[in-house]
Each structure stands twice: as C-alpha cells, then as structure tokens.
Protein backbone atom coordinates (compact mmCIF):
# COMPACT_ATOMS: atom_id res chain seq x y z
CA MET A 1 -0.43 -0.30 -0.03
CA ALA A 2 1.09 3.62 -1.05
CA LYS A 3 2.85 6.00 2.40
CA ASN A 4 -0.40 7.91 3.28
CA PRO A 5 -3.30 5.90 1.95
CA ILE A 6 -6.99 7.79 1.34
CA ILE A 7 -9.47 4.89 1.50
CA PHE A 8 -13.04 5.08 0.17
CA ALA A 9 -14.39 2.04 1.68
CA MET A 10 -18.14 3.15 0.43
CA ALA A 11 -20.14 -0.39 0.37
CA ASN A 12 -23.31 -0.28 3.52
CA PRO A 13 -24.53 -1.52 5.61
CA ASP A 14 -20.27 -2.32 6.10
CA PRO A 15 -17.88 -0.78 4.37
CA GLU A 16 -15.26 -3.20 2.53
CA ILE A 17 -12.77 -2.42 5.60
CA MET A 18 -13.97 -1.24 9.11
CA PRO A 19 -12.21 2.16 9.76
CA GLU A 20 -10.68 0.18 13.96
CA GLU A 21 -8.79 -2.87 11.10
CA VAL A 22 -7.55 0.35 9.18
CA GLY A 23 -6.67 3.07 12.69
CA ARG A 24 -3.50 5.39 11.72
CA LEU A 25 -1.79 2.98 9.03
CA ALA A 26 -4.02 5.76 5.96
CA LYS A 27 -3.95 9.05 5.64
CA ILE A 28 -7.67 9.29 5.47
CA ILE A 29 -10.75 6.83 5.88
CA ALA A 30 -14.52 7.76 4.62
CA THR A 31 -17.02 5.12 4.55
CA GLY A 32 -20.67 5.45 3.50
CA ARG A 33 -21.81 4.89 7.38
CA SER A 34 -22.96 8.23 9.53
CA ASP A 35 -21.41 6.59 12.73
CA TYR A 36 -18.12 7.95 11.75
CA SER A 37 -15.94 11.14 10.30
CA ASN A 38 -16.12 11.13 6.67
CA GLN A 39 -19.36 10.11 6.05
CA ILE A 40 -19.28 9.78 1.70
CA ASN A 41 -22.93 9.66 0.66
CA ASN A 42 -24.51 10.16 -3.24
CA VAL A 43 -27.28 12.85 -1.71
CA LEU A 44 -24.25 15.60 -0.66
CA CYS A 45 -24.95 16.20 -3.91
CA PHE A 46 -29.47 16.46 -4.13
CA PRO A 47 -30.78 18.30 -4.92
CA GLY A 48 -27.85 21.48 -5.55
CA LEU A 49 -26.56 18.89 -9.04
CA PHE A 50 -30.02 18.09 -10.16
CA ARG A 51 -31.26 21.96 -9.83
CA GLY A 52 -28.23 22.75 -12.04
CA VAL A 53 -29.18 20.20 -14.76
CA LEU A 54 -32.37 21.22 -15.14
CA ASP A 55 -31.84 24.90 -14.87
CA CYS A 56 -29.78 24.57 -17.52
CA GLN A 57 -31.79 22.30 -20.00
CA ALA A 58 -28.89 19.55 -20.52
CA ARG A 59 -29.51 16.53 -21.73
CA GLU A 60 -27.46 13.85 -19.59
CA ILE A 61 -24.64 14.71 -16.68
CA ASN A 62 -21.21 15.21 -17.45
CA ASP A 63 -17.52 14.93 -16.20
CA GLN A 64 -17.80 18.16 -15.77
CA MET A 65 -20.78 18.70 -14.29
CA LEU A 66 -19.91 16.40 -10.77
CA PHE A 67 -16.43 18.54 -10.82
CA VAL A 68 -18.38 21.80 -10.46
CA ALA A 69 -20.54 19.80 -7.66
CA ALA A 70 -17.84 18.38 -6.27
CA ASN A 71 -15.54 21.45 -6.02
CA ALA A 72 -18.25 22.76 -4.47
CA ILE A 73 -19.09 20.29 -2.24
CA ALA A 74 -15.39 20.42 -1.18
CA SER A 75 -15.42 23.88 -0.75
CA VAL A 76 -18.23 23.79 2.41
CA VAL A 77 -14.85 22.87 4.52
CA ALA A 78 -13.18 26.16 5.60
CA GLU A 79 -9.13 25.43 5.51
CA ASN A 80 -9.14 25.82 8.76
CA GLU A 81 -11.28 23.24 9.59
CA LEU A 82 -10.16 20.92 7.59
CA SER A 83 -8.66 17.67 8.67
CA GLU A 84 -7.87 13.52 8.01
CA ASP A 85 -11.52 13.64 9.96
CA TYR A 86 -13.25 16.72 8.28
CA ILE A 87 -12.86 16.48 4.69
CA ILE A 88 -15.91 16.77 3.76
CA PRO A 89 -18.99 18.81 4.89
CA ALA A 90 -20.86 17.31 8.02
CA TYR A 91 -24.41 19.48 6.95
C-alpha cells in the first residue's frame, strides 16, 4: 500500500474494511456510514446537481458537471477546518 493512503470504503452497511482495522495506517479513511467521520453519501449532491441540470436544460450529466459539484461540496469545508477526520461537510 502507498504511504499515507486515502481509503474510501463505501459499501453499506458494512464497509469493505472497517476504520478500526485500518487505524492510522491510512492518512484519510471515509465510509458511507453516518457513525464514522467523513461520511460520503451520494445525497450530498442532491438536489443541487439536479437543480443545475434542470436549470440549464441539460440532456445528460457529464464529467465537468460532476467536477463542479464536487468542488462546490469541497468548498463548504473551510481551509482552517480541514483535517484527516473532516474532509467533507458534516451538514
């Protein structure tokens, strides 16, 4: 494994690997579970992504739209709040 890996163990309800098993071997670990820090869930982008798609009357969702949505979500966490246990907004 790479030095300081980032692990997104997204399977629900049981991630592919539990954060306790990883410990501090990983720089960042995120799961889809709400009982761990760094919960990543696809509802983070709703309804904003679809509102934008509807507003511009797009016929498809492309990579550029997804990158813009991801950057918007990431920008909610202020630089001084950012840490290994807080990489995405908690609200």
